[in-house]
Amino acid sequence: MFLFDYADKDVWNKRRKLLDEELEKAEIGLVYTVSDYSTTLFMDMQISFCSGAWLSIVIMSVSVIDSHLRETEAMDTSIMTAKLLKEYYEGEEIDWLRHMRNKYVYHNLDKPFFEMNNWFKNQEQLEKDATKAMRMTISALFQNPGI
């Protein structure tokens, strides 16, 4: 598949199936407190994942997790993202995700994280990172089931 083509239907369905399986595994409770805002972002994130927009997934994941935890756990709009994630995210490697996202968002002119050729050549690694980010996001959305 050429990078700028639509995702093949089989590829889309394979990615959709992976998401459905991850969501099914995460839903262990009967009731969850959800943030309407983060749910909306997450729905768009799923479309990006199935499309293969890997950088977008990593960037969006921190926003979805931040928004969800801010509204459902911290109940605090002023807490800084790094502190929020450290205090309320119950999974592992949240610093990896935040640092990866920051490398994509904040360009360092002296030491670029990636260049166009790297982006073309590293789609497989970008997909792995995006899949990990997606799993972490799902974990955050379902980390505290109710009764």
N, C-alpha and C. Protein backbone atom coordinates (compact mmCIF):
# COMPACT_ATOMS: atom_id res chain seq x y z
N MET A 1 0.84 -1.18 0.00
CA MET A 1 0.00 0.00 0.00
C MET A 1 0.88 1.24 0.00
N PHE A 2 0.62 2.14 -0.91
CA PHE A 2 1.31 3.42 -0.94
C PHE A 2 0.84 4.25 0.24
N LEU A 3 1.73 4.99 0.85
CA LEU A 3 1.41 5.71 2.09
C LEU A 3 0.24 6.67 1.97
N PHE A 4 0.01 7.23 0.80
CA PHE A 4 -1.06 8.21 0.68
C PHE A 4 -2.34 7.63 0.08
N ASP A 5 -2.39 6.32 -0.10
CA ASP A 5 -3.62 5.67 -0.54
C ASP A 5 -4.53 5.45 0.66
N TYR A 6 -5.80 5.22 0.36
CA TYR A 6 -6.72 4.82 1.42
C TYR A 6 -6.27 3.48 1.97
N ALA A 7 -6.53 3.26 3.24
CA ALA A 7 -6.21 1.95 3.81
C ALA A 7 -7.06 0.90 3.11
N ASP A 8 -6.44 -0.17 2.70
CA ASP A 8 -7.12 -1.31 2.11
C ASP A 8 -8.19 -1.80 3.11
N LYS A 9 -9.33 -2.26 2.60
CA LYS A 9 -10.42 -2.69 3.47
C LYS A 9 -9.97 -3.79 4.43
N ASP A 10 -9.15 -4.73 3.97
CA ASP A 10 -8.66 -5.80 4.84
C ASP A 10 -7.74 -5.25 5.92
N VAL A 11 -6.89 -4.30 5.56
CA VAL A 11 -5.99 -3.67 6.54
C VAL A 11 -6.81 -2.90 7.56
N TRP A 12 -7.79 -2.12 7.08
CA TRP A 12 -8.67 -1.37 7.98
C TRP A 12 -9.35 -2.33 8.95
N ASN A 13 -9.93 -3.40 8.43
CA ASN A 13 -10.65 -4.37 9.27
C ASN A 13 -9.73 -5.05 10.27
N LYS A 14 -8.50 -5.34 9.88
CA LYS A 14 -7.53 -5.95 10.80
C LYS A 14 -7.23 -4.99 11.96
N ARG A 15 -7.03 -3.73 11.64
CA ARG A 15 -6.77 -2.73 12.69
C ARG A 15 -8.00 -2.52 13.56
N ARG A 16 -9.17 -2.51 12.95
CA ARG A 16 -10.42 -2.34 13.70
C ARG A 16 -10.61 -3.51 14.66
N LYS A 17 -10.30 -4.71 14.19
CA LYS A 17 -10.43 -5.92 15.01
C LYS A 17 -9.49 -5.84 16.22
N LEU A 18 -8.26 -5.38 15.99
CA LEU A 18 -7.32 -5.23 17.09
C LEU A 18 -7.88 -4.28 18.15
N LEU A 19 -8.45 -3.16 17.72
CA LEU A 19 -9.05 -2.21 18.66
C LEU A 19 -10.22 -2.83 19.40
N ASP A 20 -11.09 -3.52 18.67
CA ASP A 20 -12.24 -4.16 19.30
C ASP A 20 -11.81 -5.17 20.35
N GLU A 21 -10.77 -5.95 20.05
CA GLU A 21 -10.26 -6.93 21.01
C GLU A 21 -9.67 -6.25 22.24
N GLU A 22 -8.94 -5.17 22.04
CA GLU A 22 -8.36 -4.43 23.17
C GLU A 22 -9.46 -3.82 24.04
N LEU A 23 -10.48 -3.28 23.40
CA LEU A 23 -11.59 -2.70 24.16
C LEU A 23 -12.33 -3.77 24.94
N GLU A 24 -12.54 -4.90 24.31
CA GLU A 24 -13.23 -6.01 24.99
C GLU A 24 -12.44 -6.49 26.21
N LYS A 25 -11.13 -6.61 26.08
CA LYS A 25 -10.28 -7.02 27.21
C LYS A 25 -10.32 -6.00 28.34
N ALA A 26 -10.41 -4.73 27.99
CA ALA A 26 -10.36 -3.66 28.99
C ALA A 26 -11.66 -3.51 29.77
N GLU A 27 -12.77 -3.88 29.17
CA GLU A 27 -14.08 -3.70 29.79
C GLU A 27 -14.35 -4.82 30.78
N ILE A 28 -13.85 -4.65 32.01
CA ILE A 28 -14.02 -5.71 33.02
C ILE A 28 -15.12 -5.39 34.01
N GLY A 29 -15.58 -4.16 34.06
CA GLY A 29 -16.62 -3.76 34.99
C GLY A 29 -17.94 -3.56 34.28
N LEU A 30 -18.93 -3.22 35.05
CA LEU A 30 -20.25 -2.99 34.48
C LEU A 30 -20.49 -1.52 34.15
N VAL A 31 -19.84 -0.64 34.91
CA VAL A 31 -20.06 0.78 34.77
C VAL A 31 -18.71 1.50 34.79
N TYR A 32 -18.56 2.51 33.95
CA TYR A 32 -17.35 3.32 33.93
C TYR A 32 -17.73 4.79 33.90
N THR A 33 -16.98 5.60 34.60
CA THR A 33 -17.13 7.04 34.48
C THR A 33 -16.34 7.45 33.25
N VAL A 34 -17.01 8.10 32.34
CA VAL A 34 -16.34 8.50 31.10
C VAL A 34 -16.44 10.01 30.92
N SER A 35 -15.46 10.53 30.27
CA SER A 35 -15.45 11.93 29.90
C SER A 35 -15.98 12.03 28.47
N ASP A 36 -17.02 12.81 28.29
CA ASP A 36 -17.59 12.98 26.96
C ASP A 36 -16.55 13.55 26.00
N TYR A 37 -15.77 14.48 26.48
CA TYR A 37 -14.74 15.12 25.66
C TYR A 37 -13.69 14.11 25.22
N SER A 38 -13.18 13.32 26.17
CA SER A 38 -12.14 12.35 25.82
C SER A 38 -12.70 11.23 24.96
N THR A 39 -13.96 10.88 25.15
CA THR A 39 -14.58 9.85 24.31
C THR A 39 -14.68 10.33 22.87
N THR A 40 -15.02 11.59 22.68
CA THR A 40 -15.08 12.16 21.34
C THR A 40 -13.70 12.13 20.68
N LEU A 41 -12.68 12.54 21.42
CA LEU A 41 -11.31 12.48 20.89
C LEU A 41 -10.91 11.04 20.57
N PHE A 42 -11.29 10.12 21.44
CA PHE A 42 -10.93 8.71 21.25
C PHE A 42 -11.60 8.13 20.01
N MET A 43 -12.82 8.53 19.72
CA MET A 43 -13.49 8.05 18.51
C MET A 43 -12.72 8.50 17.27
N ASP A 44 -12.27 9.74 17.26
CA ASP A 44 -11.47 10.23 16.14
C ASP A 44 -10.12 9.52 16.08
N MET A 45 -9.56 9.23 17.23
CA MET A 45 -8.29 8.53 17.32
C MET A 45 -8.39 7.13 16.70
N GLN A 46 -9.53 6.47 16.89
CA GLN A 46 -9.72 5.14 16.31
C GLN A 46 -9.73 5.20 14.78
N ILE A 47 -10.35 6.22 14.23
CA ILE A 47 -10.35 6.39 12.78
C ILE A 47 -8.92 6.62 12.29
N SER A 48 -8.17 7.42 13.01
CA SER A 48 -6.77 7.67 12.65
C SER A 48 -5.96 6.39 12.69
N PHE A 49 -6.21 5.56 13.70
CA PHE A 49 -5.48 4.30 13.83
C PHE A 49 -5.78 3.38 12.64
N CYS A 50 -7.03 3.22 12.33
CA CYS A 50 -7.40 2.35 11.21
C CYS A 50 -6.87 2.89 9.88
N SER A 51 -6.69 4.19 9.79
CA SER A 51 -6.15 4.82 8.58
C SER A 51 -4.63 4.71 8.50
N GLY A 52 -3.99 4.46 9.63
CA GLY A 52 -2.53 4.37 9.64
C GLY A 52 -1.84 5.69 9.87
N ALA A 53 -2.51 6.62 10.54
CA ALA A 53 -1.92 7.93 10.86
C ALA A 53 -1.16 7.81 12.18
N TRP A 54 0.01 7.17 12.14
CA TRP A 54 0.72 6.74 13.35
C TRP A 54 1.16 7.89 14.24
N LEU A 55 1.72 8.94 13.68
CA LEU A 55 2.14 10.07 14.51
C LEU A 55 0.95 10.69 15.22
N SER A 56 -0.16 10.79 14.52
CA SER A 56 -1.37 11.36 15.11
C SER A 56 -1.83 10.58 16.33
N ILE A 57 -1.68 9.27 16.28
CA ILE A 57 -2.11 8.43 17.41
C ILE A 57 -1.30 8.75 18.65
N VAL A 58 0.01 8.82 18.51
CA VAL A 58 0.86 9.11 19.67
C VAL A 58 0.55 10.50 20.21
N ILE A 59 0.38 11.46 19.33
CA ILE A 59 0.08 12.83 19.76
C ILE A 59 -1.28 12.90 20.44
N MET A 60 -2.28 12.28 19.85
CA MET A 60 -3.64 12.31 20.41
C MET A 60 -3.75 11.54 21.71
N SER A 61 -2.98 10.48 21.86
CA SER A 61 -3.12 9.62 23.03
C SER A 61 -2.94 10.39 24.33
N VAL A 62 -1.95 11.25 24.39
CA VAL A 62 -1.72 12.02 25.61
C VAL A 62 -2.90 12.96 25.86
N SER A 63 -3.45 13.54 24.81
CA SER A 63 -4.60 14.43 24.96
C SER A 63 -5.83 13.68 25.47
N VAL A 64 -6.06 12.50 24.94
CA VAL A 64 -7.21 11.70 25.37
C VAL A 64 -7.04 11.29 26.83
N ILE A 65 -5.88 10.77 27.18
CA ILE A 65 -5.63 10.34 28.56
C ILE A 65 -5.72 11.53 29.51
N ASP A 66 -5.10 12.64 29.14
CA ASP A 66 -5.13 13.85 29.95
C ASP A 66 -6.57 14.29 30.19
N SER A 67 -7.32 14.40 29.13
CA SER A 67 -8.70 14.86 29.23
C SER A 67 -9.54 13.93 30.10
N HIS A 68 -9.38 12.64 29.90
CA HIS A 68 -10.15 11.66 30.67
C HIS A 68 -9.81 11.72 32.16
N LEU A 69 -8.53 11.67 32.47
CA LEU A 69 -8.11 11.67 33.88
C LEU A 69 -8.43 13.00 34.56
N ARG A 70 -8.30 14.07 33.83
CA ARG A 70 -8.59 15.41 34.38
C ARG A 70 -10.06 15.51 34.79
N GLU A 71 -10.94 14.95 33.96
CA GLU A 71 -12.38 15.08 34.21
C GLU A 71 -12.92 14.00 35.15
N THR A 72 -12.36 12.80 35.11
CA THR A 72 -12.96 11.70 35.89
C THR A 72 -12.19 11.34 37.15
N GLU A 73 -10.91 11.66 37.21
CA GLU A 73 -10.09 11.26 38.36
C GLU A 73 -9.66 12.48 39.18
N ALA A 74 -8.98 13.41 38.55
CA ALA A 74 -8.40 14.55 39.28
C ALA A 74 -9.43 15.62 39.59
N MET A 75 -10.39 15.78 38.70
CA MET A 75 -11.40 16.85 38.84
C MET A 75 -10.70 18.20 39.02
N ASP A 76 -9.66 18.41 38.22
CA ASP A 76 -8.81 19.59 38.37
C ASP A 76 -8.38 20.06 36.99
N THR A 77 -8.78 21.26 36.62
CA THR A 77 -8.40 21.78 35.31
C THR A 77 -7.06 22.51 35.31
N SER A 78 -6.49 22.73 36.50
CA SER A 78 -5.25 23.50 36.55
C SER A 78 -3.99 22.65 36.71
N ILE A 79 -4.14 21.37 37.01
CA ILE A 79 -2.98 20.50 37.21
C ILE A 79 -2.22 20.34 35.89
N MET A 80 -0.90 20.39 35.95
CA MET A 80 -0.08 20.23 34.75
C MET A 80 -0.14 18.78 34.27
N THR A 81 -0.03 18.59 32.97
CA THR A 81 -0.18 17.26 32.37
C THR A 81 0.79 16.24 32.95
N ALA A 82 2.06 16.58 33.08
CA ALA A 82 3.04 15.61 33.59
C ALA A 82 2.66 15.13 34.98
N LYS A 83 2.25 16.05 35.84
CA LYS A 83 1.84 15.69 37.21
C LYS A 83 0.55 14.86 37.18
N LEU A 84 -0.39 15.27 36.37
CA LEU A 84 -1.66 14.54 36.23
C LEU A 84 -1.41 13.09 35.84
N LEU A 85 -0.61 12.89 34.81
CA LEU A 85 -0.34 11.53 34.32
C LEU A 85 0.39 10.71 35.37
N LYS A 86 1.36 11.31 36.04
CA LYS A 86 2.12 10.60 37.08
C LYS A 86 1.21 10.16 38.23
N GLU A 87 0.31 11.05 38.64
CA GLU A 87 -0.52 10.78 39.81
C GLU A 87 -1.72 9.89 39.52
N TYR A 88 -2.28 9.96 38.32
CA TYR A 88 -3.55 9.28 38.08
C TYR A 88 -3.51 8.14 37.08
N TYR A 89 -2.51 8.08 36.22
CA TYR A 89 -2.44 6.98 35.26
C TYR A 89 -1.92 5.75 35.98
N GLU A 90 -2.65 4.64 35.90
CA GLU A 90 -2.30 3.45 36.67
C GLU A 90 -1.46 2.44 35.90
N GLY A 91 -1.21 2.69 34.64
CA GLY A 91 -0.40 1.77 33.85
C GLY A 91 1.08 2.11 33.94
N GLU A 92 1.85 1.43 33.12
CA GLU A 92 3.29 1.67 33.09
C GLU A 92 3.66 2.48 31.85
N GLU A 93 4.83 3.01 31.87
CA GLU A 93 5.46 3.68 30.73
C GLU A 93 4.78 4.97 30.28
N ILE A 94 4.08 5.63 31.19
CA ILE A 94 3.44 6.88 30.79
C ILE A 94 4.48 7.93 30.42
N ASP A 95 5.65 7.87 31.06
CA ASP A 95 6.71 8.82 30.69
C ASP A 95 7.20 8.57 29.27
N TRP A 96 7.27 7.30 28.86
CA TRP A 96 7.65 6.99 27.48
C TRP A 96 6.69 7.66 26.51
N LEU A 97 5.39 7.52 26.79
CA LEU A 97 4.38 8.08 25.90
C LEU A 97 4.46 9.60 25.86
N ARG A 98 4.57 10.22 27.02
CA ARG A 98 4.64 11.67 27.08
C ARG A 98 5.89 12.20 26.37
N HIS A 99 7.02 11.55 26.58
CA HIS A 99 8.26 11.99 25.93
C HIS A 99 8.20 11.77 24.41
N MET A 100 7.63 10.65 23.99
CA MET A 100 7.49 10.38 22.56
C MET A 100 6.60 11.45 21.92
N ARG A 101 5.50 11.73 22.56
CA ARG A 101 4.58 12.75 22.05
C ARG A 101 5.28 14.11 21.98
N ASN A 102 6.03 14.44 23.02
CA ASN A 102 6.74 15.73 23.03
C ASN A 102 7.77 15.82 21.91
N LYS A 103 8.42 14.71 21.60
CA LYS A 103 9.39 14.71 20.50
C LYS A 103 8.71 15.01 19.17
N TYR A 104 7.48 14.55 19.01
CA TYR A 104 6.73 14.81 17.78
C TYR A 104 6.21 16.25 17.74
N VAL A 105 5.78 16.76 18.87
CA VAL A 105 5.12 18.06 18.92
C VAL A 105 6.10 19.22 18.98
N TYR A 106 7.16 19.07 19.76
CA TYR A 106 8.11 20.17 19.97
C TYR A 106 9.39 19.90 19.19
N HIS A 107 9.51 20.54 18.06
CA HIS A 107 10.64 20.32 17.16
C HIS A 107 11.90 20.98 17.70
N ASN A 108 12.97 20.22 17.79
CA ASN A 108 14.28 20.72 18.21
C ASN A 108 15.12 20.94 16.95
N LEU A 109 15.34 22.19 16.60
CA LEU A 109 16.07 22.51 15.37
C LEU A 109 17.51 21.99 15.39
N ASP A 110 18.11 21.94 16.56
CA ASP A 110 19.50 21.48 16.67
C ASP A 110 19.62 19.96 16.60
N LYS A 111 18.58 19.28 17.00
CA LYS A 111 18.62 17.81 17.03
C LYS A 111 17.23 17.26 16.68
N PRO A 112 16.88 17.27 15.40
CA PRO A 112 15.55 16.80 15.00
C PRO A 112 15.34 15.33 15.37
N PHE A 113 14.15 15.02 15.83
CA PHE A 113 13.82 13.64 16.21
C PHE A 113 13.67 12.75 14.98
N PHE A 114 13.09 13.29 13.93
CA PHE A 114 12.96 12.54 12.68
C PHE A 114 12.90 13.52 11.52
N GLU A 115 13.12 12.97 10.35
CA GLU A 115 13.04 13.75 9.12
C GLU A 115 12.13 13.00 8.16
N MET A 116 11.77 13.62 7.06
CA MET A 116 10.83 13.03 6.12
C MET A 116 11.25 11.63 5.67
N ASN A 117 12.51 11.44 5.33
CA ASN A 117 12.96 10.12 4.89
C ASN A 117 12.81 9.08 5.99
N ASN A 118 13.08 9.48 7.22
CA ASN A 118 12.90 8.55 8.35
C ASN A 118 11.43 8.15 8.47
N TRP A 119 10.56 9.13 8.26
CA TRP A 119 9.13 8.85 8.36
C TRP A 119 8.72 7.80 7.32
N PHE A 120 9.19 7.95 6.10
CA PHE A 120 8.87 6.98 5.05
C PHE A 120 9.45 5.61 5.37
N LYS A 121 10.67 5.58 5.85
CA LYS A 121 11.37 4.31 6.08
C LYS A 121 10.96 3.59 7.36
N ASN A 122 10.41 4.31 8.32
CA ASN A 122 10.15 3.73 9.64
C ASN A 122 8.68 3.50 9.94
N GLN A 123 7.88 3.27 8.94
CA GLN A 123 6.45 3.07 9.16
C GLN A 123 6.16 1.89 10.10
N GLU A 124 6.94 0.84 10.01
CA GLU A 124 6.72 -0.33 10.86
C GLU A 124 6.92 0.03 12.34
N GLN A 125 7.99 0.75 12.66
CA GLN A 125 8.23 1.16 14.04
C GLN A 125 7.20 2.18 14.50
N LEU A 126 6.83 3.09 13.62
CA LEU A 126 5.80 4.07 13.96
C LEU A 126 4.48 3.37 14.28
N GLU A 127 4.16 2.32 13.52
CA GLU A 127 2.94 1.56 13.79
C GLU A 127 3.02 0.87 15.15
N LYS A 128 4.16 0.31 15.49
CA LYS A 128 4.33 -0.33 16.80
C LYS A 128 4.14 0.68 17.93
N ASP A 129 4.74 1.84 17.78
CA ASP A 129 4.60 2.89 18.80
C ASP A 129 3.15 3.35 18.91
N ALA A 130 2.48 3.50 17.78
CA ALA A 130 1.08 3.93 17.79
C ALA A 130 0.19 2.87 18.43
N THR A 131 0.47 1.61 18.17
CA THR A 131 -0.32 0.53 18.76
C THR A 131 -0.13 0.52 20.28
N LYS A 132 1.08 0.72 20.72
CA LYS A 132 1.36 0.80 22.16
C LYS A 132 0.62 1.99 22.77
N ALA A 133 0.65 3.13 22.10
CA ALA A 133 -0.05 4.33 22.58
C ALA A 133 -1.55 4.09 22.65
N MET A 134 -2.09 3.40 21.65
CA MET A 134 -3.52 3.10 21.63
C MET A 134 -3.89 2.19 22.80
N ARG A 135 -3.08 1.18 23.05
CA ARG A 135 -3.34 0.28 24.18
C ARG A 135 -3.28 1.02 25.51
N MET A 136 -2.34 1.92 25.64
CA MET A 136 -2.22 2.71 26.87
C MET A 136 -3.45 3.61 27.05
N THR A 137 -3.94 4.16 25.97
CA THR A 137 -5.12 5.02 26.02
C THR A 137 -6.34 4.22 26.46
N ILE A 138 -6.52 3.06 25.86
CA ILE A 138 -7.65 2.20 26.23
C ILE A 138 -7.54 1.82 27.70
N SER A 139 -6.35 1.49 28.15
CA SER A 139 -6.13 1.15 29.55
C SER A 139 -6.56 2.29 30.47
N ALA A 140 -6.21 3.51 30.10
CA ALA A 140 -6.58 4.67 30.91
C ALA A 140 -8.09 4.87 30.95
N LEU A 141 -8.74 4.69 29.82
CA LEU A 141 -10.19 4.90 29.76
C LEU A 141 -10.96 3.90 30.62
N PHE A 142 -10.37 2.73 30.84
CA PHE A 142 -11.07 1.68 31.58
C PHE A 142 -10.35 1.28 32.87
N GLN A 143 -9.51 2.16 33.41
CA GLN A 143 -8.72 1.77 34.56
C GLN A 143 -9.51 1.69 35.86
N ASN A 144 -10.64 2.36 35.96
CA ASN A 144 -11.40 2.35 37.21
C ASN A 144 -12.87 1.99 36.99
N PRO A 145 -13.15 0.69 36.91
CA PRO A 145 -14.55 0.29 36.74
C PRO A 145 -15.35 0.54 38.01
N GLY A 146 -16.62 0.82 37.81
CA GLY A 146 -17.52 0.96 38.95
C GLY A 146 -18.13 -0.39 39.28
N ILE A 147 -19.27 -0.35 39.88
CA ILE A 147 -19.94 -1.59 40.30
C ILE A 147 -20.67 -2.20 39.13
